[in-house]
Protein backbone atom coordinates (compact mmCIF):
# COMPACT_ATOMS: atom_id res chain seq x y z
CA MET A 1 0.00 0.00 0.00
CA ALA A 2 1.40 3.39 -1.01
CA THR A 3 1.97 6.05 1.60
CA VAL A 4 0.26 9.41 1.34
CA ALA A 5 3.56 11.04 0.35
CA GLU A 6 4.11 8.52 -2.47
CA PHE A 7 0.54 9.00 -3.67
CA LEU A 8 0.90 12.78 -3.69
CA ALA A 9 4.28 12.62 -5.43
CA GLY A 10 2.87 10.57 -8.29
CA ASN A 11 -0.54 12.22 -8.46
CA SER A 12 -1.15 14.40 -11.49
CA LEU A 13 -3.93 16.32 -9.71
CA ILE A 14 -1.34 18.21 -7.69
CA SER A 15 0.14 21.13 -9.57
CA GLN A 16 3.86 20.63 -10.17
CA GLU A 17 4.34 24.10 -11.56
CA GLU A 18 6.27 26.38 -9.28
CA ARG A 19 7.22 23.41 -7.08
CA HIS A 20 9.94 25.51 -5.51
CA LEU A 21 7.20 27.84 -4.18
CA LYS A 22 5.13 25.09 -2.55
CA VAL A 23 5.30 23.27 0.76
CA ARG A 24 4.74 19.55 0.24
CA ALA A 25 2.64 19.32 3.41
CA LEU A 26 -0.02 21.48 1.73
CA ASP A 27 -0.24 19.16 -1.29
CA ALA A 28 -2.66 16.97 0.68
CA VAL A 29 -4.84 20.01 1.36
CA GLU A 30 -4.84 20.86 -2.35
CA LEU A 31 -5.76 17.28 -3.24
CA VAL A 32 -8.63 17.21 -0.74
CA LEU A 33 -9.90 20.56 -2.02
CA LEU A 34 -9.78 19.32 -5.61
CA CYS A 35 -11.73 16.18 -4.69
CA VAL A 36 -14.31 18.20 -2.74
CA CYS A 37 -14.66 20.59 -5.68
CA GLY A 38 -15.26 17.61 -7.97
CA LEU A 39 -17.96 16.28 -5.66
CA LEU A 40 -19.56 19.72 -5.44
CA LEU A 41 -19.56 20.04 -9.23
CA PHE A 42 -21.16 16.59 -9.50
CA THR A 43 -23.74 17.57 -6.86
CA PHE A 44 -24.45 20.84 -8.66
CA THR A 45 -24.97 19.03 -11.96
CA CYS A 46 -27.20 16.34 -10.45
CA THR A 47 -29.37 18.80 -8.53
CA VAL A 48 -29.91 20.96 -11.61
CA LEU A 49 -30.81 17.85 -13.63
CA LEU A 50 -33.22 16.63 -10.94
CA ASP A 51 -34.72 20.11 -10.58
CA VAL A 52 -35.47 20.29 -14.30
CA LEU A 53 -36.77 16.72 -14.33
CA THR A 54 -39.10 17.14 -11.36
CA ARG A 55 -40.45 20.43 -12.72
CA THR A 56 -41.06 18.80 -16.10
CA LEU A 57 -42.97 16.00 -14.38
CA GLY A 58 -45.09 18.59 -12.56
CA ALA A 59 -43.88 17.68 -9.08
CA PRO A 60 -41.00 20.07 -8.31
CA TRP A 61 -38.70 19.47 -5.37
CA LEU A 62 -38.07 23.06 -4.34
CA TRP A 63 -35.26 22.18 -1.95
CA LEU A 64 -33.12 21.25 -4.97
CA GLN A 65 -32.64 24.93 -5.78
CA GLU A 66 -31.12 25.56 -2.36
CA ALA A 67 -28.92 22.46 -2.63
CA THR A 68 -27.76 23.66 -6.04
CA LEU A 69 -26.96 27.10 -4.63
CA ILE A 70 -24.99 25.70 -1.69
CA ALA A 71 -22.99 23.34 -3.94
CA PHE A 72 -22.29 26.15 -6.40
CA VAL A 73 -21.12 28.68 -3.79
CA TRP A 74 -18.89 26.20 -1.93
CA GLY A 75 -17.44 24.89 -5.20
CA LEU A 76 -16.73 28.42 -6.38
CA PHE A 77 -14.95 29.54 -3.24
CA LEU A 78 -12.97 26.34 -2.66
CA GLY A 79 -11.98 26.31 -6.34
CA ALA A 80 -10.80 29.90 -6.03
CA ALA A 81 -8.57 28.93 -3.11
CA VAL A 82 -7.02 26.12 -5.17
CA ALA A 83 -6.51 28.54 -8.07
CA LEU A 84 -4.63 30.86 -5.73
CA ARG A 85 -2.28 28.06 -4.65
CA ARG A 86 -1.67 27.11 -8.27
CA ASN A 87 -1.18 30.77 -9.18
CA GLU A 88 -3.96 30.42 -11.75
CA HIS A 89 -5.99 33.34 -10.51
CA ILE A 90 -6.13 36.89 -11.78
CA TYR A 91 -2.55 37.95 -11.31
CA LEU A 92 -0.10 40.17 -13.12
CA THR A 93 2.27 37.39 -14.13
CA SER A 94 3.39 39.01 -17.35
CA VAL A 95 4.80 41.95 -15.41
CA THR A 96 6.55 39.91 -12.73
CA THR A 97 7.94 37.17 -14.99
CA SER A 98 9.75 39.78 -17.06
CA MET A 99 11.62 40.92 -13.94
CA ALA A 100 14.57 39.39 -12.14
CA GLY A 101 16.53 39.84 -8.95
CA ARG A 102 15.51 42.44 -6.41
CA ARG A 103 12.86 43.99 -8.64
CA ARG A 104 11.12 40.61 -9.01
CA LEU A 105 11.41 39.96 -5.28
CA ALA A 106 9.93 43.37 -4.48
CA MET A 107 7.03 42.99 -6.94
CA GLU A 108 6.23 39.44 -5.83
CA THR A 109 6.40 40.51 -2.18
CA PHE A 110 4.08 43.44 -2.87
CA ASN A 111 1.61 41.20 -4.74
CA SER A 112 1.65 38.60 -1.96
CA LEU A 113 1.21 41.19 0.79
CA VAL A 114 -1.74 42.72 -1.05
CA MET A 115 -3.27 39.25 -1.45
CA ILE A 116 -2.73 38.48 2.24
CA GLY A 117 -4.29 41.81 3.21
CA ILE A 118 -7.31 41.15 1.03
CA THR A 119 -7.78 37.61 2.32
CA VAL A 120 -7.51 38.68 5.96
CA THR A 121 -10.12 41.38 5.34
CA VAL A 122 -12.40 38.89 3.58
CA ALA A 123 -11.89 36.37 6.41
CA VAL A 124 -12.87 38.86 9.12
CA THR A 125 -15.84 40.23 7.21
CA GLY A 126 -16.86 36.77 5.99
CA PHE A 127 -16.80 35.39 9.51
CA ARG A 128 -19.13 38.17 10.66
CA VAL A 129 -21.52 37.43 7.80
CA PHE A 130 -21.26 33.71 8.61
CA GLN A 131 -22.23 34.36 12.23
CA GLN A 132 -25.15 36.54 11.16
CA GLY A 133 -26.26 33.72 8.85
CA PHE A 134 -27.43 31.70 11.85
CA GLY A 135 -30.17 34.29 12.38
CA ASN A 136 -31.47 33.99 8.83
CA LEU A 137 -32.99 30.88 7.30
CA LEU A 138 -33.19 29.61 3.75
CA PRO A 139 -36.84 29.84 2.70
CA VAL A 140 -37.58 26.27 1.62
CA THR A 141 -35.43 24.03 3.81
CA GLY A 142 -35.24 26.29 6.84
CA LEU A 143 -31.49 25.73 7.07
CA PRO A 144 -29.45 28.63 8.45
CA LEU A 145 -28.00 30.90 5.78
CA ALA A 146 -24.65 30.19 7.46
CA TYR A 147 -24.50 26.91 5.47
CA LEU A 148 -24.09 29.12 2.43
CA THR A 149 -22.01 31.99 3.81
CA GLY A 150 -19.54 29.71 5.60
CA ALA A 151 -17.72 29.28 2.31
CA VAL A 152 -16.40 32.84 2.43
CA PRO A 153 -14.26 32.67 5.61
CA VAL A 154 -13.07 29.15 4.71
CA PHE A 155 -11.94 30.44 1.30
CA ALA A 156 -10.22 33.44 2.87
CA VAL A 157 -8.31 31.41 5.46
CA LEU A 158 -7.15 28.87 2.86
CA SER A 159 -6.16 31.66 0.48
CA ALA A 160 -4.21 33.46 3.20
CA VAL A 161 -2.32 30.25 4.03
CA PHE A 162 -1.52 29.68 0.35
CA ALA A 163 -0.41 33.31 -0.13
CA VAL A 164 1.87 33.12 2.91
CA GLU A 165 3.23 29.80 1.61
CA ARG A 166 4.14 31.38 -1.73
CA LEU A 167 5.68 34.44 -0.10
CA VAL A 168 7.83 32.53 2.40
CA LYS A 169 9.00 29.96 -0.15
CA GLY A 170 9.68 32.73 -2.65
CA TRP A 171 11.87 34.55 -0.16
CA ARG A 172 13.79 31.34 0.51
CA THR A 173 14.15 29.93 -3.00
CA GLY A 174 13.52 32.94 -5.20
CA PHE A 175 10.55 33.57 -7.44
CA GLU A 176 12.43 33.07 -10.69
CA GLY A 177 11.27 30.11 -12.70
CA ALA A 178 7.63 30.66 -11.81
CA THR A 179 5.55 31.17 -14.91
CA HIS A 180 2.09 30.49 -16.21
CA ASP A 181 2.66 31.55 -19.79
CA PRO A 182 1.87 28.39 -21.81
CA ARG A 183 4.38 29.32 -24.52
CA GLU A 184 7.16 29.77 -22.01
CA GLN A 185 6.22 26.49 -20.28
CA ALA A 186 6.38 24.66 -23.62
CA LEU A 187 9.81 26.13 -24.36
CA ARG A 188 11.09 25.10 -20.92
CA ALA A 189 9.71 21.58 -21.36
CA ALA A 190 11.41 21.31 -24.77
CA GLU A 191 14.70 22.48 -23.24
CA LEU A 192 14.45 19.86 -20.46
CA ASP A 193 13.47 17.02 -22.78
CA GLY A 194 15.98 17.86 -25.48
CA PRO A 195 15.22 18.51 -29.14
CA VAL A 196 11.80 17.41 -30.33
CA SER A 197 12.03 15.01 -33.25
């Protein structure tokens, strides 16, 4: 039986890009988040399908709309946290990848500090909204709105952890080599593999 470390090392779900900017201990978190996002997407798809089917049959299950909404919101926010770890979010990579040395370090540090500031603000505000959600109920199921709004502080905490991870590892190993330009990635792969025949 393979250990968790062996599974994660050979698993293609875990992003290998920018490996030097990632802590291996957080690979398991990324894998769990990806699996949960897959389940939420499946749930979202099934609930929409069932909602359409039951409405077509003239016997709608109204709770399906709330289940769809909860699956969508959680999938969106957890997926956004994974995108942050993979550096696949809205980010000015073209500016930073053209830099080197101290200028690159300064720009990457600035970007990471802004991201950390935003995520901490979202976490604090999101937690307040989450707490207030216990006083409001979803109309059909009667579940607290907190089931929906809880995704915001969870996203923010995960995103803050991933932003700190990138910043600390970048300070230790340097940010150079990190890119998300597909053309540049293809060129690097060709250089590593030798000439393409």
